[in-house]
Amino acid sequence: MTSACAGLVGDGVIRGVLGAVDCETRTFAEAGYSALTSASSGFQLALTALLTIYVALVGYRMLFASNGARLSDAPGIALKIGAILALVTSWATFQTLVFDMAARAPGEIAAIVAAPLQQDNGSLAADPIGGLQAAYDQLSQSAAAFGKMAGPDAKAYSSPQAAAAQALSTASGVLFMTTAGVISAATLAIGVLTAVGPVFIALFLIPATRGLFVGWVRALAAAALTPLLGWLVIVLMLAVLEPWLLALARQRQFAEFDPQTAMSTAALVFVFGAGQVALLVGACTIAFGFRIRLPTPAPATAPTAVRDPAAAPGFASRAQRLAFDLQRDQVSAAARIRPLEVAAATAQAGRNTTLRQATLHLGDDYRRPAAAPRRLSVRP
């Protein structure tokens, strides 16, 4: 334990565990990140080689228009490379965008949501860590008092006092594991995941390894959602348990032990412990809803049924698509001109027919009528 974290010794079980884990995790995350991204580490050499290969592949794709690569994709690619370099070379940037987002933001959001239950400064919910320590101490002391009352030779559940002592003792263990234990485990996960974070961020460059980056983000999101939901359950549990813990404290003070109060308090702890486990599963389910749409690789050969290169941009080069566009424009222009030509030809044919008919009619008007044959009349 470092000297900065050594002062937490003796503050109680829950205070000591939560404080020590949080302090050591932050120190470990920063030290691990610095060691991984130092100039003498092999990670920097691997990152340089990876960036070189990636830039070469991007240049090849743009030069030959492979897989639909376009020049307009260059700003997005440059932004992606710049963001990755900023995250894997600067601890200040990484701490703000990744570590603080996962370690500090959940606690701040939980404090905002639980503010209505923390308005009373004298309540256990006003100080969740101190309230957890007080609740744990009350359960442990009450379990010891009921066990002393039941006698050293009493077996579990042989008497109401022995059953109450056993229930309170189990409740204190459940309280620790489902509160301080869950929060500490999530904090440890955040520290380890952020320490190795540069490796997974660099893997985002290659589409084949982008799934590893997605898995890392999901794990980090699950570890961050666990304290968020866990502190909310803790604040609500402290608000519900406070009257029962006060009743147990008064019973110890006046030596008037009621096993029913002890059993009810232990039952409440068990209920909230089950709720904490359910919310832990819910946090993992929510985190696994994170998706990144990966590009679908094009087949090696184009299907014979495709005749239009524009319909399958992954199979046609830029020159082929340009030639097809020019040909398509010519066909479209010809299709637009053809009706005009047909209409003009039809109109011209109509005019010619009308003129021919008019000429024939004019000739008939000036034509002399044919002479009627003469009849010979024979007189008798």
Protein backbone atom coordinates (compact mmCIF):
# COMPACT_ATOMS: atom_id res chain seq x y z
CA MET A 1 0.00 0.00 0.00
CA THR A 2 1.32 3.45 -0.88
CA SER A 3 1.87 6.11 1.76
CA ALA A 4 -1.07 8.12 0.47
CA CYS A 5 -3.40 5.17 1.07
CA ALA A 6 -1.85 3.97 4.34
CA GLY A 7 -3.86 6.50 6.38
CA LEU A 8 -7.06 4.54 5.69
CA VAL A 9 -6.03 1.72 8.04
CA GLY A 10 -8.23 1.57 11.14
CA ASP A 11 -11.23 3.44 9.72
CA GLY A 12 -13.49 0.40 9.87
CA VAL A 13 -14.09 -2.54 7.60
CA ILE A 14 -16.25 -0.84 4.99
CA ARG A 15 -14.46 2.52 5.06
CA GLY A 16 -11.07 0.82 4.88
CA VAL A 17 -11.98 -1.49 2.01
CA LEU A 18 -13.68 1.16 -0.13
CA GLY A 19 -11.02 3.81 0.52
CA ALA A 20 -8.05 1.48 -0.01
CA VAL A 21 -9.44 -0.04 -3.20
CA ASP A 22 -10.31 3.35 -4.67
CA CYS A 23 -6.93 4.89 -3.82
CA GLU A 24 -4.84 1.95 -5.00
CA THR A 25 -6.89 1.51 -8.18
CA ARG A 26 -6.32 5.09 -9.29
CA THR A 27 -2.61 4.79 -8.61
CA PHE A 28 -2.39 1.47 -10.45
CA ALA A 29 -4.36 2.71 -13.48
CA GLU A 30 -2.10 5.73 -13.98
CA ALA A 31 1.10 3.75 -13.41
CA GLY A 32 0.01 0.96 -15.77
CA TYR A 33 -0.98 3.41 -18.49
CA SER A 34 2.33 5.28 -18.20
CA ALA A 35 4.35 2.08 -18.33
CA LEU A 36 2.44 0.78 -21.34
CA THR A 37 2.67 3.98 -23.36
CA SER A 38 6.24 4.89 -22.49
CA ALA A 39 8.72 5.40 -25.31
CA SER A 40 10.76 2.35 -24.28
CA SER A 41 7.83 -0.08 -24.33
CA GLY A 42 7.11 -2.44 -27.17
CA PHE A 43 3.59 -1.08 -27.43
CA GLN A 44 4.81 2.13 -29.05
CA LEU A 45 6.70 0.17 -31.70
CA ALA A 46 3.68 -2.00 -32.37
CA LEU A 47 1.44 1.07 -32.59
CA THR A 48 3.80 2.74 -35.07
CA ALA A 49 3.86 -0.37 -37.25
CA LEU A 50 0.08 -0.69 -37.04
CA LEU A 51 -0.45 2.92 -38.07
CA THR A 52 1.98 2.53 -40.97
CA ILE A 53 0.17 -0.54 -42.27
CA TYR A 54 -3.21 1.11 -41.82
CA VAL A 55 -2.21 4.27 -43.70
CA ALA A 56 -0.73 2.17 -46.51
CA LEU A 57 -3.93 0.16 -46.82
CA VAL A 58 -6.04 3.31 -46.86
CA GLY A 59 -3.83 4.84 -49.56
CA TYR A 60 -4.09 1.69 -51.66
CA ARG A 61 -7.87 1.62 -51.35
CA MET A 62 -8.20 5.26 -52.37
CA LEU A 63 -5.73 4.91 -55.25
CA PHE A 64 -7.56 1.99 -56.84
CA ALA A 65 -11.04 2.77 -55.48
CA SER A 66 -11.15 -0.62 -53.79
CA ASN A 67 -14.27 -1.58 -51.79
CA GLY A 68 -15.97 1.70 -52.57
CA ALA A 69 -13.25 3.90 -51.03
CA ARG A 70 -13.74 7.59 -51.71
CA LEU A 71 -11.65 10.69 -51.22
CA SER A 72 -14.43 12.13 -49.08
CA ASP A 73 -13.62 9.45 -46.46
CA ALA A 74 -10.23 11.02 -45.77
CA PRO A 75 -11.39 13.56 -43.10
CA GLY A 76 -13.13 10.84 -41.11
CA ILE A 77 -10.09 8.57 -41.29
CA ALA A 78 -7.80 11.40 -40.18
CA LEU A 79 -10.12 12.23 -37.28
CA LYS A 80 -10.15 8.59 -36.19
CA ILE A 81 -6.36 8.36 -36.25
CA GLY A 82 -6.04 11.65 -34.35
CA ALA A 83 -8.48 10.52 -31.64
CA ILE A 84 -6.65 7.22 -31.18
CA LEU A 85 -3.27 8.93 -30.93
CA ALA A 86 -4.62 11.43 -28.42
CA LEU A 87 -5.99 8.66 -26.20
CA VAL A 88 -2.91 6.40 -26.30
CA THR A 89 -0.27 9.11 -25.84
CA SER A 90 -1.74 11.49 -23.24
CA TRP A 91 -2.77 10.35 -19.76
CA ALA A 92 -4.57 13.66 -19.11
CA THR A 93 -6.84 13.12 -22.13
CA PHE A 94 -7.33 9.43 -21.36
CA GLN A 95 -8.08 10.13 -17.70
CA THR A 96 -10.73 12.73 -18.55
CA LEU A 97 -12.46 10.81 -21.33
CA VAL A 98 -12.15 7.25 -20.06
CA PHE A 99 -11.10 6.83 -16.43
CA ASP A 100 -13.06 9.70 -14.89
CA MET A 101 -16.05 8.89 -17.08
CA ALA A 102 -16.09 5.33 -15.74
CA ALA A 103 -14.95 5.91 -12.13
CA ARG A 104 -16.33 9.32 -11.11
CA ALA A 105 -19.34 9.98 -13.30
CA PRO A 106 -21.46 7.08 -11.89
CA GLY A 107 -21.04 8.33 -8.33
CA GLU A 108 -21.96 11.90 -9.30
CA ILE A 109 -25.06 10.75 -11.18
CA ALA A 110 -26.10 8.56 -8.24
CA ALA A 111 -25.69 11.51 -5.85
CA ILE A 112 -27.96 13.66 -8.02
CA VAL A 113 -30.65 10.97 -8.24
CA ALA A 114 -30.50 10.14 -4.51
CA ALA A 115 -30.52 13.79 -3.39
CA PRO A 116 -34.14 13.66 -2.07
CA LEU A 117 -33.17 10.88 0.38
CA GLN A 118 -30.03 12.74 1.54
CA GLN A 119 -31.63 16.01 2.59
CA ASP A 120 -31.54 15.10 6.30
CA ASN A 121 -27.91 15.57 7.36
CA GLY A 122 -28.37 13.37 10.43
CA SER A 123 -29.60 10.31 8.55
CA LEU A 124 -27.51 7.36 7.46
CA ALA A 125 -28.35 8.01 3.80
CA ALA A 126 -26.78 11.48 3.92
CA ASP A 127 -23.32 9.86 4.17
CA PRO A 128 -23.53 6.50 2.38
CA ILE A 129 -20.05 5.30 3.33
CA GLY A 130 -20.43 6.32 6.97
CA GLY A 131 -23.97 4.96 7.01
CA LEU A 132 -22.79 1.59 5.67
CA GLN A 133 -20.10 1.44 8.34
CA ALA A 134 -22.64 2.27 11.06
CA ALA A 135 -25.11 -0.32 9.74
CA TYR A 136 -22.42 -3.00 9.60
CA ASP A 137 -21.31 -2.21 13.15
CA GLN A 138 -24.89 -2.27 14.45
CA LEU A 139 -25.59 -5.64 12.86
CA SER A 140 -22.35 -7.13 14.17
CA GLN A 141 -22.85 -5.79 17.72
CA SER A 142 -26.49 -6.89 17.81
CA ALA A 143 -25.51 -10.37 16.57
CA ALA A 144 -22.92 -10.61 19.35
CA ALA A 145 -25.47 -9.42 21.95
CA PHE A 146 -28.09 -11.96 20.87
CA GLY A 147 -25.45 -14.70 20.79
CA LYS A 148 -24.32 -13.81 24.31
CA MET A 149 -27.93 -13.90 25.48
CA ALA A 150 -28.49 -17.31 23.87
CA GLY A 151 -25.42 -18.73 25.64
CA PRO A 152 -22.14 -20.21 24.40
CA ASP A 153 -23.55 -23.72 24.06
CA ALA A 154 -26.66 -22.74 22.10
CA LYS A 155 -26.93 -24.21 18.62
CA ALA A 156 -28.19 -22.34 15.61
CA TYR A 157 -31.97 -21.89 15.64
CA SER A 158 -32.26 -23.81 18.92
CA SER A 159 -33.87 -20.73 20.46
CA PRO A 160 -35.23 -17.41 19.15
CA GLN A 161 -32.17 -15.60 20.46
CA ALA A 162 -29.78 -18.02 18.75
CA ALA A 163 -31.74 -17.75 15.50
CA ALA A 164 -31.64 -13.95 15.71
CA ALA A 165 -27.89 -14.00 16.34
CA GLN A 166 -27.33 -16.27 13.33
CA ALA A 167 -29.55 -14.15 11.10
CA LEU A 168 -27.86 -10.90 12.08
CA SER A 169 -24.41 -12.39 11.61
CA THR A 170 -25.33 -13.60 8.12
CA ALA A 171 -26.94 -10.25 7.35
CA SER A 172 -23.74 -8.40 8.24
CA GLY A 173 -21.79 -10.57 5.80
CA VAL A 174 -24.42 -10.10 3.08
CA LEU A 175 -24.40 -6.35 3.71
CA PHE A 176 -20.65 -6.17 3.24
CA MET A 177 -20.51 -8.35 0.11
CA THR A 178 -23.44 -6.71 -1.70
CA THR A 179 -22.37 -3.13 -0.93
CA ALA A 180 -18.68 -2.59 -0.31
CA GLY A 181 -17.77 -5.86 -2.03
CA VAL A 182 -19.67 -5.10 -5.24
CA ILE A 183 -18.49 -1.46 -5.40
CA SER A 184 -14.88 -2.47 -4.74
CA ALA A 185 -14.98 -5.21 -7.38
CA ALA A 186 -16.37 -2.77 -9.95
CA THR A 187 -13.68 -0.23 -9.04
CA LEU A 188 -10.96 -2.85 -9.46
CA ALA A 189 -12.38 -3.80 -12.87
CA ILE A 190 -12.36 -0.15 -13.97
CA GLY A 191 -8.74 0.23 -12.89
CA VAL A 192 -7.52 -2.86 -14.71
CA LEU A 193 -9.51 -2.13 -17.87
CA THR A 194 -8.25 1.44 -18.06
CA ALA A 195 -4.65 0.35 -17.46
CA VAL A 196 -4.77 -1.87 -20.57
CA GLY A 197 -7.11 0.44 -22.46
CA PRO A 198 -4.53 1.74 -25.00
CA VAL A 199 -4.16 -1.78 -26.42
CA PHE A 200 -7.87 -2.10 -27.22
CA ILE A 201 -8.13 1.46 -28.49
CA ALA A 202 -5.34 0.77 -30.97
CA LEU A 203 -7.13 -2.39 -32.11
CA PHE A 204 -10.05 -0.22 -33.24
CA LEU A 205 -8.04 0.70 -36.37
CA ILE A 206 -8.29 -2.74 -37.97
CA PRO A 207 -11.81 -3.98 -38.84
CA ALA A 208 -10.81 -7.58 -38.06
CA THR A 209 -9.90 -6.68 -34.43
CA ARG A 210 -12.59 -4.05 -33.88
CA GLY A 211 -14.71 -6.61 -32.05
CA LEU A 212 -12.10 -6.71 -29.25
CA PHE A 213 -12.50 -2.97 -28.81
CA VAL A 214 -16.28 -3.39 -28.63
CA GLY A 215 -15.88 -6.06 -25.95
CA TRP A 216 -13.58 -3.79 -23.95
CA VAL A 217 -16.10 -0.95 -24.09
CA ARG A 218 -18.88 -3.30 -22.97
CA ALA A 219 -16.85 -4.55 -20.01
CA LEU A 220 -15.91 -1.00 -19.02
CA ALA A 221 -19.55 0.12 -19.32
CA ALA A 222 -20.72 -2.78 -17.13
CA ALA A 223 -18.08 -1.92 -14.52
CA ALA A 224 -19.18 1.75 -14.60
CA LEU A 225 -22.92 1.02 -14.40
CA THR A 226 -22.46 -1.25 -11.37
CA PRO A 227 -21.46 1.56 -8.92
CA LEU A 228 -24.16 3.81 -10.38
CA LEU A 229 -26.93 1.32 -9.61
CA GLY A 230 -25.20 0.01 -6.49
CA TRP A 231 -24.98 3.37 -4.71
CA LEU A 232 -28.66 4.05 -5.43
CA VAL A 233 -29.60 0.74 -3.80
CA ILE A 234 -27.31 1.49 -0.86
CA VAL A 235 -28.89 4.90 -0.21
CA LEU A 236 -32.39 3.43 -0.39
CA MET A 237 -31.41 0.53 1.87
CA LEU A 238 -29.94 2.85 4.50
CA ALA A 239 -33.11 4.95 4.50
CA VAL A 240 -35.22 1.81 5.04
CA LEU A 241 -32.93 0.16 7.62
CA GLU A 242 -32.33 3.21 9.80
CA PRO A 243 -35.44 2.80 12.07
CA TRP A 244 -34.69 -0.90 12.57
CA LEU A 245 -31.06 -0.26 13.41
CA LEU A 246 -32.09 2.40 15.93
CA ALA A 247 -34.49 -0.11 17.50
CA LEU A 248 -31.68 -2.67 17.80
CA ALA A 249 -29.42 -0.05 19.39
CA ARG A 250 -32.09 0.82 22.00
CA GLN A 251 -32.63 -2.86 22.78
CA ARG A 252 -28.93 -3.33 23.44
CA GLN A 253 -28.86 -0.21 25.58
CA PHE A 254 -31.73 -1.33 27.81
CA ALA A 255 -31.02 -5.08 27.49
CA GLU A 256 -34.49 -5.72 26.11
CA PHE A 257 -33.86 -7.95 23.12
CA ASP A 258 -36.65 -8.71 20.67
CA PRO A 259 -35.76 -11.53 18.25
CA GLN A 260 -38.53 -10.44 15.90
CA THR A 261 -36.85 -7.05 15.34
CA ALA A 262 -33.55 -8.77 14.60
CA MET A 263 -35.15 -11.20 12.13
CA SER A 264 -36.97 -8.37 10.35
CA THR A 265 -33.77 -6.35 10.04
CA ALA A 266 -31.89 -9.34 8.65
CA ALA A 267 -34.71 -10.04 6.18
CA LEU A 268 -34.53 -6.46 4.88
CA VAL A 269 -30.79 -6.85 4.33
CA PHE A 270 -31.36 -10.08 2.41
CA VAL A 271 -34.00 -8.44 0.20
CA PHE A 272 -31.76 -5.52 -0.71
CA GLY A 273 -28.87 -7.92 -1.28
CA ALA A 274 -30.96 -9.85 -3.81
CA GLY A 275 -31.92 -6.56 -5.45
CA GLN A 276 -28.26 -5.62 -5.70
CA VAL A 277 -27.46 -8.87 -7.47
CA ALA A 278 -30.39 -8.37 -9.87
CA LEU A 279 -29.20 -4.87 -10.71
CA LEU A 280 -25.68 -6.21 -11.29
CA VAL A 281 -27.10 -8.57 -13.91
CA GLY A 282 -29.09 -5.67 -15.35
CA ALA A 283 -25.96 -3.53 -15.62
CA CYS A 284 -24.22 -6.27 -17.61
CA THR A 285 -27.26 -6.64 -19.86
CA ILE A 286 -27.38 -2.90 -20.53
CA ALA A 287 -23.66 -2.76 -21.26
CA PHE A 288 -23.87 -5.62 -23.75
CA GLY A 289 -26.37 -3.59 -25.73
CA PHE A 290 -23.49 -1.49 -27.09
CA ARG A 291 -23.00 -2.08 -30.81
CA ILE A 292 -20.71 -0.81 -33.57
CA ARG A 293 -21.83 -1.49 -37.11
CA LEU A 294 -18.91 -3.23 -38.79
CA PRO A 295 -18.51 -2.99 -42.59
CA THR A 296 -19.45 -6.13 -44.48
CA PRO A 297 -16.54 -7.37 -46.61
CA ALA A 298 -17.24 -7.69 -50.34
CA PRO A 299 -16.99 -11.12 -52.01
CA ALA A 300 -13.90 -11.94 -53.98
CA THR A 301 -15.69 -12.08 -57.35
CA ALA A 302 -18.70 -10.22 -58.61
CA PRO A 303 -21.85 -12.25 -59.35
CA THR A 304 -22.62 -12.76 -62.99
CA ALA A 305 -26.18 -11.51 -62.58
CA VAL A 306 -24.99 -7.98 -61.84
CA ARG A 307 -24.63 -5.96 -65.01
CA ASP A 308 -24.77 -2.47 -63.57
CA PRO A 309 -21.43 -1.51 -61.97
CA ALA A 310 -23.16 1.27 -60.00
CA ALA A 311 -25.43 -1.33 -58.39
CA ALA A 312 -22.39 -3.07 -56.90
CA PRO A 313 -19.75 -0.41 -56.09
CA GLY A 314 -17.53 -3.00 -54.48
CA PHE A 315 -16.92 -4.76 -57.81
CA ALA A 316 -16.29 -1.78 -60.17
CA SER A 317 -13.34 0.54 -60.29
CA ARG A 318 -13.66 4.30 -60.44
CA ALA A 319 -12.94 4.33 -64.20
CA GLN A 320 -15.61 1.71 -64.87
CA ARG A 321 -18.18 3.63 -62.87
CA LEU A 322 -17.27 6.86 -64.68
CA ALA A 323 -17.64 5.16 -68.10
CA PHE A 324 -20.96 3.71 -67.08
CA ASP A 325 -22.17 7.12 -65.87
CA LEU A 326 -21.25 8.69 -69.24
CA GLN A 327 -22.99 5.87 -71.11
CA ARG A 328 -26.05 6.21 -68.91
CA ASP A 329 -26.17 9.97 -69.57
CA GLN A 330 -26.00 9.36 -73.33
CA VAL A 331 -28.83 6.84 -73.13
CA SER A 332 -30.90 9.22 -71.05
CA ALA A 333 -30.29 12.08 -73.52
CA ALA A 334 -31.21 9.85 -76.44
CA ALA A 335 -34.35 8.75 -74.63
CA ARG A 336 -35.32 12.37 -74.12
CA ILE A 337 -34.63 13.37 -77.77
CA ARG A 338 -36.35 10.35 -79.36
CA PRO A 339 -39.94 11.43 -78.54
CA LEU A 340 -39.22 14.89 -79.98
CA GLU A 341 -37.90 13.40 -83.20
CA VAL A 342 -40.91 11.10 -83.50
CA ALA A 343 -43.29 14.00 -82.90
CA ALA A 344 -41.51 16.17 -85.47
CA ALA A 345 -41.57 13.38 -88.04
CA THR A 346 -45.26 12.76 -87.41
CA ALA A 347 -46.06 16.43 -87.78
CA GLN A 348 -44.04 16.65 -91.00
CA ALA A 349 -45.79 13.60 -92.42
CA GLY A 350 -49.15 15.13 -91.56
CA ARG A 351 -48.27 18.36 -93.32
CA ASN A 352 -47.14 16.48 -96.42
CA THR A 353 -50.37 14.49 -96.54
CA THR A 354 -52.49 17.61 -96.21
CA LEU A 355 -50.59 19.39 -98.98
CA ARG A 356 -50.96 16.43 -101.32
CA GLN A 357 -54.66 16.21 -100.71
CA ALA A 358 -55.07 19.96 -101.32
CA THR A 359 -53.22 19.70 -104.63
CA LEU A 360 -55.42 16.87 -105.85
CA HIS A 361 -58.57 18.76 -104.89
CA LEU A 362 -57.42 21.87 -106.74
CA GLY A 363 -56.80 19.85 -109.94
CA ASP A 364 -60.27 18.40 -109.83
CA ASP A 365 -61.84 21.87 -109.67
CA TYR A 366 -60.14 23.03 -112.91
CA ARG A 367 -60.64 19.80 -114.85
CA ARG A 368 -63.23 20.06 -117.73
CA PRO A 369 -66.17 17.70 -117.60
CA ALA A 370 -66.13 14.90 -120.12
CA ALA A 371 -68.42 15.29 -123.22
CA ALA A 372 -71.59 13.27 -123.05
CA PRO A 373 -72.10 10.88 -125.96
CA ARG A 374 -74.57 12.06 -128.55
CA ARG A 375 -77.78 10.19 -129.13
CA LEU A 376 -79.05 9.57 -132.64
CA SER A 377 -82.75 9.95 -132.94
CA VAL A 378 -84.51 8.10 -135.74
CA ARG A 379 -87.77 9.52 -136.88
CA PRO A 380 -90.36 7.32 -138.29
